[in-house]
Protein backbone atom coordinates (compact mmCIF):
# COMPACT_ATOMS: atom_id res chain seq x y z
CA UNK A 1 -0.19 -10.37 34.37
CA UNK A 2 3.33 -9.38 35.33
CA UNK A 3 4.46 -11.46 38.33
CA UNK A 4 8.05 -10.21 38.48
CA UNK A 5 9.67 -10.26 41.94
CA UNK A 6 12.26 -7.47 42.26
CA UNK A 7 13.84 -9.24 45.23
CA UNK A 8 15.82 -11.44 42.83
CA UNK A 9 18.16 -8.41 42.61
CA UNK A 10 18.61 -8.12 46.39
CA UNK A 11 22.21 -7.77 47.54
CA UNK A 12 22.65 -9.16 51.06
CA UNK A 13 25.75 -7.29 52.25
CA UNK A 14 27.82 -4.31 51.42
CA UNK A 15 27.31 -0.64 50.95
CA UNK A 16 24.07 0.61 49.39
CA UNK A 17 24.41 0.49 45.61
CA UNK A 18 22.27 3.55 44.89
CA UNK A 19 21.77 6.89 46.59
CA UNK A 20 18.39 8.55 46.96
CA UNK A 21 19.32 11.21 44.39
CA UNK A 22 20.46 8.70 41.79
CA UNK A 23 17.38 6.54 42.41
CA UNK A 24 15.11 9.52 41.75
CA UNK A 25 17.05 10.37 38.58
CA UNK A 26 16.82 6.78 37.31
CA UNK A 27 13.09 6.60 38.14
CA UNK A 28 12.51 9.79 36.13
CA UNK A 29 14.48 8.43 33.19
CA UNK A 30 12.60 5.13 33.28
CA UNK A 31 9.26 6.91 33.50
CA UNK A 32 10.07 9.08 30.47
CA UNK A 33 11.28 6.00 28.60
CA UNK A 34 8.00 4.20 29.36
CA UNK A 35 5.99 7.17 28.10
CA UNK A 36 8.04 7.40 24.92
CA UNK A 37 7.67 3.67 24.33
CA UNK A 38 3.90 3.83 24.74
CA UNK A 39 3.66 6.54 22.07
CA UNK A 40 5.87 4.52 19.73
CA UNK A 41 3.94 1.24 20.00
CA UNK A 42 6.44 -0.78 22.02
CA UNK A 43 5.67 -4.45 22.53
CA UNK A 44 4.15 -5.69 25.77
CA UNK A 45 7.41 -7.50 26.55
CA UNK A 46 9.42 -4.28 26.18
CA UNK A 47 7.01 -2.36 28.40
CA UNK A 48 7.15 -5.13 31.02
CA UNK A 49 10.95 -4.93 31.05
CA UNK A 50 10.83 -1.23 31.92
CA UNK A 51 8.07 -1.82 34.46
CA UNK A 52 10.19 -4.50 36.15
CA UNK A 53 13.22 -2.21 36.19
CA UNK A 54 11.09 0.47 37.88
CA UNK A 55 10.04 -2.11 40.50
CA UNK A 56 13.71 -2.78 41.28
CA UNK A 57 14.40 0.95 41.59
CA UNK A 58 11.42 1.43 43.90
CA UNK A 59 12.47 -1.55 46.05
CA UNK A 60 15.94 -0.01 46.37
CA UNK A 61 14.44 2.66 48.64
CA UNK A 62 14.16 0.04 51.38
CA UNK A 63 16.51 -2.77 50.32
CA UNK A 64 19.97 -2.89 48.77
CA UNK A 65 19.15 -3.78 45.15
CA UNK A 66 21.55 -4.36 42.25
CA UNK A 67 19.87 -1.92 39.89
CA UNK A 68 22.79 -2.03 37.45
CA UNK A 69 22.39 -5.79 36.94
CA UNK A 70 18.63 -5.33 36.60
CA UNK A 71 19.20 -2.66 33.95
CA UNK A 72 21.59 -4.91 32.03
CA UNK A 73 19.37 -8.00 32.33
CA UNK A 74 16.34 -6.10 31.08
CA UNK A 75 18.14 -4.38 28.24
CA UNK A 76 17.29 -0.86 29.39
CA UNK A 77 20.20 0.68 27.48
CA UNK A 78 18.99 -0.91 24.24
CA UNK A 79 15.42 0.22 24.87
CA UNK A 80 16.64 3.79 25.52
CA UNK A 81 18.51 3.69 22.23
CA UNK A 82 15.53 2.25 20.32
CA UNK A 83 12.93 4.62 21.76
CA UNK A 84 14.93 7.75 22.55
CA UNK A 85 13.21 11.02 21.91
CA UNK A 86 14.68 13.27 19.28
CA UNK A 87 15.83 16.60 20.60
CA UNK A 88 14.50 19.72 18.94
């Protein structure tokens, strides 16, 4: 069971780090990545990393979350590269 707490990426002060439009874009990208990974037999750990990243993005609707640090910590860029879909 995944017990990840997205609040570890909470930023106490400052301007919001993500706009509503960017959050929706990133959620769509992460969702497509998750789907692609499931078709390509990703490991449970890899799928959990994307799931946790999505939790941070969803929490950023209410709280000021450092989604960029979450992305880096969870290796989202590497997962995108490993599981990217080939364009036709």
